[in-house]
Amino acid sequence: MPRHVAVSVITLGELELGVIAAATVEQRARRAETLALARAADTIPINDAVMGSFARLVHDCREHGVKANVLDALIAATAIQHGLPVVTQDDDFAAMASAHPQLAVIQV
């Protein structure tokens, strides 16, 4: 596991949505804890270089018949541009990596 933790600004938005959409008080509290941990990490913004990586990633996914959710593709492009792996439980990232080998994924 990497020693340095950084989070895409997109991930923060997804986590915030999870807090807002929580069905129970307990679920909201758990999600709020996760969001607080994520906010403690370095946040990586979207910039022109990330958007270039995004375009190449989505193109490669389309060429290989892999569906790429826009937000997941932006997270992946951020990681690619900064030479970082995506640490995730989401199998969609592994599918994107099969189409675009520059994407490193650590499945947890």
PDB file of N, CA and C in Angstrom:
ATOM      1  N   MET A   1       0.848  -1.181   0.000  1.00  0.00           N
ATOM      2  CA  MET A   1       0.000   0.000   0.000  1.00  0.00           C
ATOM      3  C   MET A   1       0.892   1.243   0.000  1.00  0.00           C
ATOM      4  N   PRO A   2       0.546   2.247  -0.802  1.00  0.00           N
ATOM      5  CA  PRO A   2       1.344   3.471  -0.855  1.00  0.00           C
ATOM      6  C   PRO A   2       1.382   4.178   0.501  1.00  0.00           C
ATOM      7  N   ARG A   3       2.493   4.842   0.783  1.00  0.00           N
ATOM      8  CA  ARG A   3       2.624   5.579   2.045  1.00  0.00           C
ATOM      9  C   ARG A   3       1.961   6.947   1.967  1.00  0.00           C
ATOM     10  N   HIS A   4       2.006   7.545   0.805  1.00  0.00           N
ATOM     11  CA  HIS A   4       1.414   8.873   0.608  1.00  0.00           C
ATOM     12  C   HIS A   4      -0.018   8.697   0.106  1.00  0.00           C
ATOM     13  N   VAL A   5      -0.940   9.378   0.733  1.00  0.00           N
ATOM     14  CA  VAL A   5      -2.340   9.281   0.319  1.00  0.00           C
ATOM     15  C   VAL A   5      -2.774  10.616  -0.268  1.00  0.00           C
ATOM     16  N   ALA A   6      -3.340  10.545  -1.449  1.00  0.00           N
ATOM     17  CA  ALA A   6      -3.903  11.725  -2.099  1.00  0.00           C
ATOM     18  C   ALA A   6      -5.273  11.336  -2.636  1.00  0.00           C
ATOM     19  N   VAL A   7      -6.153  12.305  -2.718  1.00  0.00           N
ATOM     20  CA  VAL A   7      -7.535  12.049  -3.116  1.00  0.00           C
ATOM     21  C   VAL A   7      -7.926  13.006  -4.228  1.00  0.00           C
ATOM     22  N   SER A   8      -8.547  12.469  -5.257  1.00  0.00           N
ATOM     23  CA  SER A   8      -9.083  13.317  -6.321  1.00  0.00           C
ATOM     24  C   SER A   8     -10.221  14.166  -5.762  1.00  0.00           C
ATOM     25  N   VAL A   9     -10.301  15.378  -6.230  1.00  0.00           N
ATOM     26  CA  VAL A   9     -11.402  16.250  -5.843  1.00  0.00           C
ATOM     27  C   VAL A   9     -12.748  15.606  -6.216  1.00  0.00           C
ATOM     28  N   ILE A  10     -12.755  14.791  -7.256  1.00  0.00           N
ATOM     29  CA  ILE A  10     -13.969  14.071  -7.661  1.00  0.00           C
ATOM     30  C   ILE A  10     -14.388  13.097  -6.563  1.00  0.00           C
ATOM     31  N   THR A  11     -13.421  12.411  -5.971  1.00  0.00           N
ATOM     32  CA  THR A  11     -13.714  11.473  -4.884  1.00  0.00           C
ATOM     33  C   THR A  11     -14.366  12.196  -3.714  1.00  0.00           C
ATOM     34  N   LEU A  12     -13.879  13.384  -3.398  1.00  0.00           N
ATOM     35  CA  LEU A  12     -14.494  14.154  -2.310  1.00  0.00           C
ATOM     36  C   LEU A  12     -15.962  14.441  -2.605  1.00  0.00           C
ATOM     37  N   GLY A  13     -16.261  14.790  -3.837  1.00  0.00           N
ATOM     38  CA  GLY A  13     -17.654  15.033  -4.214  1.00  0.00           C
ATOM     39  C   GLY A  13     -18.510  13.790  -4.086  1.00  0.00           C
ATOM     40  N   GLU A  14     -17.962  12.644  -4.509  1.00  0.00           N
ATOM     41  CA  GLU A  14     -18.710  11.388  -4.396  1.00  0.00           C
ATOM     42  C   GLU A  14     -18.948  11.020  -2.931  1.00  0.00           C
ATOM     43  N   LEU A  15     -17.934  11.222  -2.095  1.00  0.00           N
ATOM     44  CA  LEU A  15     -18.097  10.922  -0.671  1.00  0.00           C
ATOM     45  C   LEU A  15     -19.105  11.858  -0.015  1.00  0.00           C
ATOM     46  N   GLU A  16     -19.074  13.126  -0.381  1.00  0.00           N
ATOM     47  CA  GLU A  16     -20.041  14.104   0.142  1.00  0.00           C
ATOM     48  C   GLU A  16     -21.462  13.700  -0.245  1.00  0.00           C
ATOM     49  N   LEU A  17     -21.639  13.287  -1.482  1.00  0.00           N
ATOM     50  CA  LEU A  17     -22.949  12.809  -1.932  1.00  0.00           C
ATOM     51  C   LEU A  17     -23.396  11.619  -1.090  1.00  0.00           C
ATOM     52  N   GLY A  18     -22.472  10.712  -0.790  1.00  0.00           N
ATOM     53  CA  GLY A  18     -22.801   9.557   0.041  1.00  0.00           C
ATOM     54  C   GLY A  18     -23.303   9.955   1.415  1.00  0.00           C
ATOM     55  N   VAL A  19     -22.711  10.981   2.006  1.00  0.00           N
ATOM     56  CA  VAL A  19     -23.163  11.472   3.309  1.00  0.00           C
ATOM     57  C   VAL A  19     -24.575  12.036   3.183  1.00  0.00           C
ATOM     58  N   ILE A  20     -24.792  12.856   2.188  1.00  0.00           N
ATOM     59  CA  ILE A  20     -26.101  13.487   1.996  1.00  0.00           C
ATOM     60  C   ILE A  20     -27.185  12.456   1.728  1.00  0.00           C
ATOM     61  N   ALA A  21     -26.856  11.420   0.966  1.00  0.00           N
ATOM     62  CA  ALA A  21     -27.850  10.428   0.546  1.00  0.00           C
ATOM     63  C   ALA A  21     -28.000   9.261   1.521  1.00  0.00           C
ATOM     64  N   ALA A  22     -27.284   9.272   2.631  1.00  0.00           N
ATOM     65  CA  ALA A  22     -27.343   8.156   3.581  1.00  0.00           C
ATOM     66  C   ALA A  22     -28.776   7.911   4.048  1.00  0.00           C
ATOM     67  N   ALA A  23     -29.124   6.632   4.150  1.00  0.00           N
ATOM     68  CA  ALA A  23     -30.493   6.247   4.512  1.00  0.00           C
ATOM     69  C   ALA A  23     -30.734   6.275   6.020  1.00  0.00           C
ATOM     70  N   THR A  24     -29.678   6.117   6.809  1.00  0.00           N
ATOM     71  CA  THR A  24     -29.835   6.079   8.265  1.00  0.00           C
ATOM     72  C   THR A  24     -28.813   6.994   8.925  1.00  0.00           C
ATOM     73  N   VAL A  25     -29.066   7.306  10.183  1.00  0.00           N
ATOM     74  CA  VAL A  25     -28.139   8.133  10.954  1.00  0.00           C
ATOM     75  C   VAL A  25     -26.794   7.421  11.084  1.00  0.00           C
ATOM     76  N   GLU A  26     -26.838   6.112  11.316  1.00  0.00           N
ATOM     77  CA  GLU A  26     -25.604   5.336  11.460  1.00  0.00           C
ATOM     78  C   GLU A  26     -24.796   5.354  10.163  1.00  0.00           C
ATOM     79  N   GLN A  27     -25.483   5.154   9.064  1.00  0.00           N
ATOM     80  CA  GLN A  27     -24.816   5.162   7.759  1.00  0.00           C
ATOM     81  C   GLN A  27     -24.218   6.545   7.484  1.00  0.00           C
ATOM     82  N   ARG A  28     -24.963   7.581   7.815  1.00  0.00           N
ATOM     83  CA  ARG A  28     -24.470   8.946   7.607  1.00  0.00           C
ATOM     84  C   ARG A  28     -23.208   9.191   8.443  1.00  0.00           C
ATOM     85  N   ALA A  29     -23.211   8.732   9.683  1.00  0.00           N
ATOM     86  CA  ALA A  29     -22.049   8.922  10.560  1.00  0.00           C
ATOM     87  C   ALA A  29     -20.827   8.183  10.015  1.00  0.00           C
ATOM     88  N   ARG A  30     -21.019   6.948   9.562  1.00  0.00           N
ATOM     89  CA  ARG A  30     -19.911   6.164   9.000  1.00  0.00           C
ATOM     90  C   ARG A  30     -19.343   6.848   7.761  1.00  0.00           C
ATOM     91  N   ARG A  31     -20.241   7.297   6.899  1.00  0.00           N
ATOM     92  CA  ARG A  31     -19.801   7.965   5.672  1.00  0.00           C
ATOM     93  C   ARG A  31     -19.125   9.301   5.972  1.00  0.00           C
ATOM     94  N   ALA A  32     -19.619  10.006   6.974  1.00  0.00           N
ATOM     95  CA  ALA A  32     -19.004  11.283   7.359  1.00  0.00           C
ATOM     96  C   ALA A  32     -17.585  11.054   7.883  1.00  0.00           C
ATOM     97  N   GLU A  33     -17.362   9.948   8.599  1.00  0.00           N
ATOM     98  CA  GLU A  33     -16.010   9.602   9.055  1.00  0.00           C
ATOM     99  C   GLU A  33     -15.080   9.366   7.874  1.00  0.00           C
ATOM    100  N   THR A  34     -15.569   8.624   6.892  1.00  0.00           N
ATOM    101  CA  THR A  34     -14.766   8.358   5.692  1.00  0.00           C
ATOM    102  C   THR A  34     -14.443   9.661   4.974  1.00  0.00           C
ATOM    103  N   LEU A  35     -15.430  10.537   4.854  1.00  0.00           N
ATOM    104  CA  LEU A  35     -15.217  11.831   4.212  1.00  0.00           C
ATOM    105  C   LEU A  35     -14.172  12.648   4.974  1.00  0.00           C
ATOM    106  N   ALA A  36     -14.239  12.637   6.298  1.00  0.00           N
ATOM    107  CA  ALA A  36     -13.267  13.386   7.102  1.00  0.00           C
ATOM    108  C   ALA A  36     -11.850  12.856   6.880  1.00  0.00           C
ATOM    109  N   LEU A  37     -11.701  11.539   6.803  1.00  0.00           N
ATOM    110  CA  LEU A  37     -10.384  10.951   6.520  1.00  0.00           C
ATOM    111  C   LEU A  37      -9.885  11.375   5.143  1.00  0.00           C
ATOM    112  N   ALA A  38     -10.777  11.360   4.168  1.00  0.00           N
ATOM    113  CA  ALA A  38     -10.395  11.750   2.806  1.00  0.00           C
ATOM    114  C   ALA A  38      -9.993  13.222   2.754  1.00  0.00           C
ATOM    115  N   ARG A  39     -10.695  14.056   3.491  1.00  0.00           N
ATOM    116  CA  ARG A  39     -10.366  15.485   3.499  1.00  0.00           C
ATOM    117  C   ARG A  39      -9.018  15.765   4.150  1.00  0.00           C
ATOM    118  N   ALA A  40      -8.558  14.848   5.000  1.00  0.00           N
ATOM    119  CA  ALA A  40      -7.255  15.016   5.651  1.00  0.00           C
ATOM    120  C   ALA A  40      -6.101  14.732   4.687  1.00  0.00           C
ATOM    121  N   ALA A  41      -6.386  14.044   3.596  1.00  0.00           N
ATOM    122  CA  ALA A  41      -5.362  13.723   2.593  1.00  0.00           C
ATOM    123  C   ALA A  41      -5.150  14.920   1.667  1.00  0.00           C
ATOM    124  N   ASP A  42      -4.056  14.880   0.924  1.00  0.00           N
ATOM    125  CA  ASP A  42      -3.836  15.895  -0.107  1.00  0.00           C
ATOM    126  C   ASP A  42      -4.916  15.741  -1.173  1.00  0.00           C
ATOM    127  N   THR A  43      -5.478  16.853  -1.602  1.00  0.00           N
ATOM    128  CA  THR A  43      -6.500  16.835  -2.644  1.00  0.00           C
ATOM    129  C   THR A  43      -5.857  17.186  -3.978  1.00  0.00           C
ATOM    130  N   ILE A  44      -6.151  16.377  -4.991  1.00  0.00           N
ATOM    131  CA  ILE A  44      -5.602  16.620  -6.328  1.00  0.00           C
ATOM    132  C   ILE A  44      -6.715  17.182  -7.207  1.00  0.00           C
ATOM    133  N   PRO A  45      -6.523  18.389  -7.745  1.00  0.00           N
ATOM    134  CA  PRO A  45      -7.550  18.996  -8.595  1.00  0.00           C
ATOM    135  C   PRO A  45      -7.517  18.452 -10.023  1.00  0.00           C
ATOM    136  N   ILE A  46      -8.544  18.791 -10.747  1.00  0.00           N
ATOM    137  CA  ILE A  46      -8.610  18.503 -12.183  1.00  0.00           C
ATOM    138  C   ILE A  46      -7.944  19.679 -12.903  1.00  0.00           C
ATOM    139  N   ASN A  47      -7.080  19.369 -13.878  1.00  0.00           N
ATOM    140  CA  ASN A  47      -6.451  20.422 -14.675  1.00  0.00           C
ATOM    141  C   ASN A  47      -6.397  19.978 -16.138  1.00  0.00           C
ATOM    142  N   ASP A  48      -5.789  20.783 -16.982  1.00  0.00           N
ATOM    143  CA  ASP A  48      -5.724  20.464 -18.415  1.00  0.00           C
ATOM    144  C   ASP A  48      -5.031  19.133 -18.679  1.00  0.00           C
ATOM    145  N   ALA A  49      -3.955  18.863 -17.957  1.00  0.00           N
ATOM    146  CA  ALA A  49      -3.225  17.610 -18.168  1.00  0.00           C
ATOM    147  C   ALA A  49      -4.084  16.406 -17.791  1.00  0.00           C
ATOM    148  N   VAL A  50      -4.833  16.517 -16.699  1.00  0.00           N
ATOM    149  CA  VAL A  50      -5.740  15.430 -16.298  1.00  0.00           C
ATOM    150  C   VAL A  50      -6.792  15.216 -17.379  1.00  0.00           C
ATOM    151  N   MET A  51      -7.297  16.299 -17.943  1.00  0.00           N
ATOM    152  CA  MET A  51      -8.323  16.160 -18.986  1.00  0.00           C
ATOM    153  C   MET A  51      -7.758  15.485 -20.229  1.00  0.00           C
ATOM    154  N   GLY A  52      -6.485  15.715 -20.538  1.00  0.00           N
ATOM    155  CA  GLY A  52      -5.850  15.004 -21.649  1.00  0.00           C
ATOM    156  C   GLY A  52      -5.769  13.512 -21.368  1.00  0.00           C
ATOM    157  N   SER A  53      -5.392  13.148 -20.130  1.00  0.00           N
ATOM    158  CA  SER A  53      -5.360  11.733 -19.739  1.00  0.00           C
ATOM    159  C   SER A  53      -6.759  11.134 -19.780  1.00  0.00           C
ATOM    160  N   PHE A  54      -7.745  11.912 -19.360  1.00  0.00           N
ATOM    161  CA  PHE A  54      -9.144  11.475 -19.396  1.00  0.00           C
ATOM    162  C   PHE A  54      -9.560  11.127 -20.823  1.00  0.00           C
ATOM    163  N   ALA A  55      -9.250  12.000 -21.761  1.00  0.00           N
ATOM    164  CA  ALA A  55      -9.641  11.774 -23.157  1.00  0.00           C
ATOM    165  C   ALA A  55      -9.001  10.503 -23.707  1.00  0.00           C
ATOM    166  N   ARG A  56      -7.707  10.311 -23.429  1.00  0.00           N
ATOM    167  CA  ARG A  56      -7.024   9.097 -23.908  1.00  0.00           C
ATOM    168  C   ARG A  56      -7.592   7.841 -23.253  1.00  0.00           C
ATOM    169  N   LEU A  57      -7.866   7.909 -21.956  1.00  0.00           N
ATOM    170  CA  LEU A  57      -8.424   6.774 -21.224  1.00  0.00           C
ATOM    171  C   LEU A  57      -9.795   6.386 -21.768  1.00  0.00           C
ATOM    172  N   VAL A  58     -10.678   7.358 -21.910  1.00  0.00           N
ATOM    173  CA  VAL A  58     -12.031   7.067 -22.402  1.00  0.00           C
ATOM    174  C   VAL A  58     -11.970   6.539 -23.830  1.00  0.00           C
ATOM    175  N   HIS A  59     -11.105   7.106 -24.653  1.00  0.00           N
ATOM    176  CA  HIS A  59     -10.947   6.608 -26.025  1.00  0.00           C
ATOM    177  C   HIS A  59     -10.519   5.147 -26.016  1.00  0.00           C
ATOM    178  N   ASP A  60      -9.503   4.818 -25.217  1.00  0.00           N
ATOM    179  CA  ASP A  60      -9.029   3.436 -25.150  1.00  0.00           C
ATOM    180  C   ASP A  60     -10.113   2.496 -24.633  1.00  0.00           C
ATOM    181  N   CYS A  61     -10.861   2.943 -23.648  1.00  0.00           N
ATOM    182  CA  CYS A  61     -11.960   2.113 -23.131  1.00  0.00           C
ATOM    183  C   CYS A  61     -12.992   1.850 -24.218  1.00  0.00           C
ATOM    184  N   ARG A  62     -13.361   2.874 -24.949  1.00  0.00           N
ATOM    185  CA  ARG A  62     -14.332   2.691 -26.040  1.00  0.00           C
ATOM    186  C   ARG A  62     -13.796   1.726 -27.091  1.00  0.00           C
ATOM    187  N   GLU A  63     -12.517   1.860 -27.427  1.00  0.00           N
ATOM    188  CA  GLU A  63     -11.897   0.982 -28.425  1.00  0.00           C
ATOM    189  C   GLU A  63     -11.912  -0.483 -27.987  1.00  0.00           C
ATOM    190  N   HIS A  64     -11.876  -0.720 -26.674  1.00  0.00           N
ATOM    191  CA  HIS A  64     -11.854  -2.080 -26.138  1.00  0.00           C
ATOM    192  C   HIS A  64     -13.219  -2.536 -25.618  1.00  0.00           C
ATOM    193  N   GLY A  65     -14.262  -1.755 -25.854  1.00  0.00           N
ATOM    194  CA  GLY A  65     -15.601  -2.139 -25.415  1.00  0.00           C
ATOM    195  C   GLY A  65     -15.804  -2.091 -23.910  1.00  0.00           C
ATOM    196  N   VAL A  66     -15.034  -1.249 -23.231  1.00  0.00           N
ATOM    197  CA  VAL A  66     -15.144  -1.110 -21.777  1.00  0.00           C
ATOM    198  C   VAL A  66     -15.930   0.155 -21.468  1.00  0.00           C
ATOM    199  N   LYS A  67     -17.006   0.018 -20.687  1.00  0.00           N
ATOM    200  CA  LYS A  67     -17.773   1.195 -20.275  1.00  0.00           C
ATOM    201  C   LYS A  67     -17.004   1.928 -19.183  1.00  0.00           C
ATOM    202  N   ALA A  68     -16.890   3.230 -19.345  1.00  0.00           N
ATOM    203  CA  ALA A  68     -16.179   4.045 -18.363  1.00  0.00           C
ATOM    204  C   ALA A  68     -17.115   5.132 -17.850  1.00  0.00           C
ATOM    205  N   ASN A  69     -17.535   5.002 -16.607  1.00  0.00           N
ATOM    206  CA  ASN A  69     -18.319   6.035 -15.942  1.00  0.00           C
ATOM    207  C   ASN A  69     -17.484   7.318 -15.927  1.00  0.00           C
ATOM    208  N   VAL A  70     -18.093   8.436 -16.233  1.00  0.00           N
ATOM    209  CA  VAL A  70     -17.348   9.695 -16.368  1.00  0.00           C
ATOM    210  C   VAL A  70     -16.595  10.053 -15.084  1.00  0.00           C
ATOM    211  N   LEU A  71     -17.260   9.970 -13.937  1.00  0.00           N
ATOM    212  CA  LEU A  71     -16.579  10.337 -12.693  1.00  0.00           C
ATOM    213  C   LEU A  71     -15.432   9.380 -12.382  1.00  0.00           C
ATOM    214  N   ASP A  72     -15.653   8.077 -12.580  1.00  0.00           N
ATOM    215  CA  ASP A  72     -14.572   7.110 -12.365  1.00  0.00           C
ATOM    216  C   ASP A  72     -13.414   7.365 -13.326  1.00  0.00           C
ATOM    217  N   ALA A  73     -13.731   7.704 -14.562  1.00  0.00           N
ATOM    218  CA  ALA A  73     -12.682   7.984 -15.547  1.00  0.00           C
ATOM    219  C   ALA A  73     -11.890   9.235 -15.162  1.00  0.00           C
ATOM    220  N   LEU A  74     -12.541  10.227 -14.589  1.00  0.00           N
ATOM    221  CA  LEU A  74     -11.823  11.422 -14.124  1.00  0.00           C
ATOM    222  C   LEU A  74     -10.908  11.091 -12.946  1.00  0.00           C
ATOM    223  N   ILE A  75     -11.379  10.240 -12.044  1.00  0.00           N
ATOM    224  CA  ILE A  75     -10.538   9.797 -10.928  1.00  0.00           C
ATOM    225  C   ILE A  75      -9.333   9.034 -11.467  1.00  0.00           C
ATOM    226  N   ALA A  76      -9.585   8.119 -12.393  1.00  0.00           N
ATOM    227  CA  ALA A  76      -8.503   7.324 -12.985  1.00  0.00           C
ATOM    228  C   ALA A  76      -7.515   8.221 -13.727  1.00  0.00           C
ATOM    229  N   ALA A  77      -8.012   9.187 -14.475  1.00  0.00           N
ATOM    230  CA  ALA A  77      -7.140  10.095 -15.227  1.00  0.00           C
ATOM    231  C   ALA A  77      -6.273  10.927 -14.290  1.00  0.00           C
ATOM    232  N   THR A  78      -6.831  11.320 -13.164  1.00  0.00           N
ATOM    233  CA  THR A  78      -6.060  12.063 -12.166  1.00  0.00           C
ATOM    234  C   THR A  78      -4.903  11.206 -11.661  1.00  0.00           C
ATOM    235  N   ALA A  79      -5.201   9.945 -11.362  1.00  0.00           N
ATOM    236  CA  ALA A  79      -4.155   9.028 -10.892  1.00  0.00           C
ATOM    237  C   ALA A  79      -3.087   8.816 -11.962  1.00  0.00           C
ATOM    238  N   ILE A  80      -3.519   8.598 -13.191  1.00  0.00           N
ATOM    239  CA  ILE A  80      -2.574   8.390 -14.297  1.00  0.00           C
ATOM    240  C   ILE A  80      -1.645   9.594 -14.428  1.00  0.00           C
ATOM    241  N   GLN A  81      -2.223  10.778 -14.456  1.00  0.00           N
ATOM    242  CA  GLN A  81      -1.443  11.995 -14.671  1.00  0.00           C
ATOM    243  C   GLN A  81      -0.414  12.221 -13.568  1.00  0.00           C
ATOM    244  N   HIS A  82      -0.729  11.781 -12.362  1.00  0.00           N
ATOM    245  CA  HIS A  82       0.164  12.010 -11.225  1.00  0.00           C
ATOM    246  C   HIS A  82       1.003  10.785 -10.869  1.00  0.00           C
ATOM    247  N   GLY A  83       0.907   9.738 -11.690  1.00  0.00           N
ATOM    248  CA  GLY A  83       1.709   8.541 -11.456  1.00  0.00           C
ATOM    249  C   GLY A  83       1.332   7.789 -10.194  1.00  0.00           C
ATOM    250  N   LEU A  84       0.064   7.848  -9.839  1.00  0.00           N
ATOM    251  CA  LEU A  84      -0.428   7.206  -8.623  1.00  0.00           C
ATOM    252  C   LEU A  84      -1.367   6.054  -8.967  1.00  0.00           C
ATOM    253  N   PRO A  85      -1.445   5.044  -8.098  1.00  0.00           N
ATOM    254  CA  PRO A  85      -2.440   3.990  -8.317  1.00  0.00           C
ATOM    255  C   PRO A  85      -3.798   4.433  -7.783  1.00  0.00           C
ATOM    256  N   VAL A  86      -4.844   3.827  -8.295  1.00  0.00           N
ATOM    257  CA  VAL A  86      -6.180   3.999  -7.728  1.00  0.00           C
ATOM    258  C   VAL A  86      -6.373   2.850  -6.744  1.00  0.00           C
ATOM    259  N   VAL A  87      -6.635   3.178  -5.491  1.00  0.00           N
ATOM    260  CA  VAL A  87      -6.915   2.169  -4.469  1.00  0.00           C
ATOM    261  C   VAL A  87      -8.430   2.124  -4.326  1.00  0.00           C
ATOM    262  N   THR A  88      -9.019   0.963  -4.614  1.00  0.00           N
ATOM    263  CA  THR A  88     -10.471   0.908  -4.732  1.00  0.00           C
ATOM    264  C   THR A  88     -11.034  -0.478  -4.460  1.00  0.00           C
ATOM    265  N   GLN A  89     -12.324  -0.514  -4.184  1.00  0.00           N
ATOM    266  CA  GLN A  89     -13.078  -1.768  -4.103  1.00  0.00           C
ATOM    267  C   GLN A  89     -13.909  -1.949  -5.365  1.00  0.00           C
ATOM    268  N   ASP A  90     -13.887  -0.972  -6.238  1.00  0.00           N
ATOM    269  CA  ASP A  90     -14.730  -0.928  -7.437  1.00  0.00           C
ATOM    270  C   ASP A  90     -14.059  -1.665  -8.599  1.00  0.00           C
ATOM    271  N   ASP A  91     -14.705  -2.723  -9.085  1.00  0.00           N
ATOM    272  CA  ASP A  91     -14.160  -3.519 -10.194  1.00  0.00           C
ATOM    273  C   ASP A  91     -14.074  -2.749 -11.511  1.00  0.00           C
ATOM    274  N   ASP A  92     -14.811  -1.648 -11.629  1.00  0.00           N
ATOM    275  CA  ASP A  92     -14.801  -0.880 -12.873  1.00  0.00           C
ATOM    276  C   ASP A  92     -13.406  -0.341 -13.199  1.00  0.00           C
ATOM    277  N   PHE A  93     -12.608  -0.052 -12.182  1.00  0.00           N
ATOM    278  CA  PHE A  93     -11.268   0.475 -12.426  1.00  0.00           C
ATOM    279  C   PHE A  93     -10.361  -0.582 -13.044  1.00  0.00           C
ATOM    280  N   ALA A  94     -10.510  -1.833 -12.613  1.00  0.00           N
ATOM    281  CA  ALA A  94      -9.719  -2.918 -13.208  1.00  0.00           C
ATOM    282  C   ALA A  94     -10.083  -3.089 -14.676  1.00  0.00           C
ATOM    283  N   ALA A  95     -11.357  -2.933 -15.000  1.00  0.00           N
ATOM    284  CA  ALA A  95     -11.786  -3.025 -16.400  1.00  0.00           C
ATOM    285  C   ALA A  95     -11.159  -1.902 -17.219  1.00  0.00           C
ATOM    286  N   MET A  96     -11.135  -0.685 -16.668  1.00  0.00           N
ATOM    287  CA  MET A  96     -10.503   0.428 -17.377  1.00  0.00           C
ATOM    288  C   MET A  96      -9.011   0.171 -17.561  1.00  0.00           C
ATOM    289  N   ALA A  97      -8.369  -0.394 -16.543  1.00  0.00           N
ATOM    290  CA  ALA A  97      -6.932  -0.683 -16.626  1.00  0.00           C
ATOM    291  C   ALA A  97      -6.633  -1.728 -17.695  1.00  0.00           C
ATOM    292  N   SER A  98      -7.572  -2.637 -17.935  1.00  0.00           N
ATOM    293  CA  SER A  98      -7.352  -3.639 -18.983  1.00  0.00           C
ATOM    294  C   SER A  98      -7.331  -2.992 -20.365  1.00  0.00           C
ATOM    295  N   ALA A  99      -8.026  -1.873 -20.504  1.00  0.00           N
ATOM    296  CA  ALA A  99      -8.059  -1.151 -21.776  1.00  0.00           C
ATOM    297  C   ALA A  99      -6.958  -0.097 -21.869  1.00  0.00           C
ATOM    298  N   HIS A 100      -6.461   0.339 -20.729  1.00  0.00           N
ATOM    299  CA  HIS A 100      -5.485   1.437 -20.682  1.00  0.00           C
ATOM    300  C   HIS A 100      -4.418   1.079 -19.638  1.00  0.00           C
ATOM    301  N   PRO A 101      -3.362   0.370 -20.038  1.00  0.00           N
ATOM    302  CA  PRO A 101      -2.368  -0.160 -19.094  1.00  0.00           C
ATOM    303  C   PRO A 101      -1.638   0.882 -18.244  1.00  0.00           C
ATOM    304  N   GLN A 102      -1.698   2.147 -18.607  1.00  0.00           N
ATOM    305  CA  GLN A 102      -1.051   3.178 -17.789  1.00  0.00           C
ATOM    306  C   GLN A 102      -1.763   3.366 -16.454  1.00  0.00           C
ATOM    307  N   LEU A 103      -2.989   2.858 -16.344  1.00  0.00           N
ATOM    308  CA  LEU A 103      -3.751   2.963 -15.100  1.00  0.00           C
ATOM    309  C   LEU A 103      -3.344   1.830 -14.166  1.00  0.00           C
ATOM    310  N   ALA A 104      -2.816   2.201 -13.007  1.00  0.00           N
ATOM    311  CA  ALA A 104      -2.457   1.213 -11.981  1.00  0.00           C
ATOM    312  C   ALA A 104      -3.583   1.150 -10.955  1.00  0.00           C
ATOM    313  N   VAL A 105      -4.019  -0.056 -10.646  1.00  0.00           N
ATOM    314  CA  VAL A 105      -5.131  -0.243  -9.713  1.00  0.00           C
ATOM    315  C   VAL A 105      -4.697  -1.186  -8.598  1.00  0.00           C
ATOM    316  N   ILE A 106      -4.990  -0.789  -7.365  1.00  0.00           N
ATOM    317  CA  ILE A 106      -4.808  -1.666  -6.209  1.00  0.00           C
ATOM    318  C   ILE A 106      -6.206  -1.990  -5.702  1.00  0.00           C
ATOM    319  N   GLN A 107      -6.593  -3.245  -5.855  1.00  0.00           N
ATOM    320  CA  GLN A 107      -7.919  -3.698  -5.434  1.00  0.00           C
ATOM    321  C   GLN A 107      -7.862  -4.045  -3.946  1.00  0.00           C
ATOM    322  N   VAL A 108      -8.765  -3.490  -3.146  1.00  0.00           N
ATOM    323  CA  VAL A 108      -8.812  -3.792  -1.707  1.00  0.00           C
ATOM    324  C   VAL A 108     -10.126  -4.435  -1.333  1.00  0.00           C
TER     325      VAL A 108
END
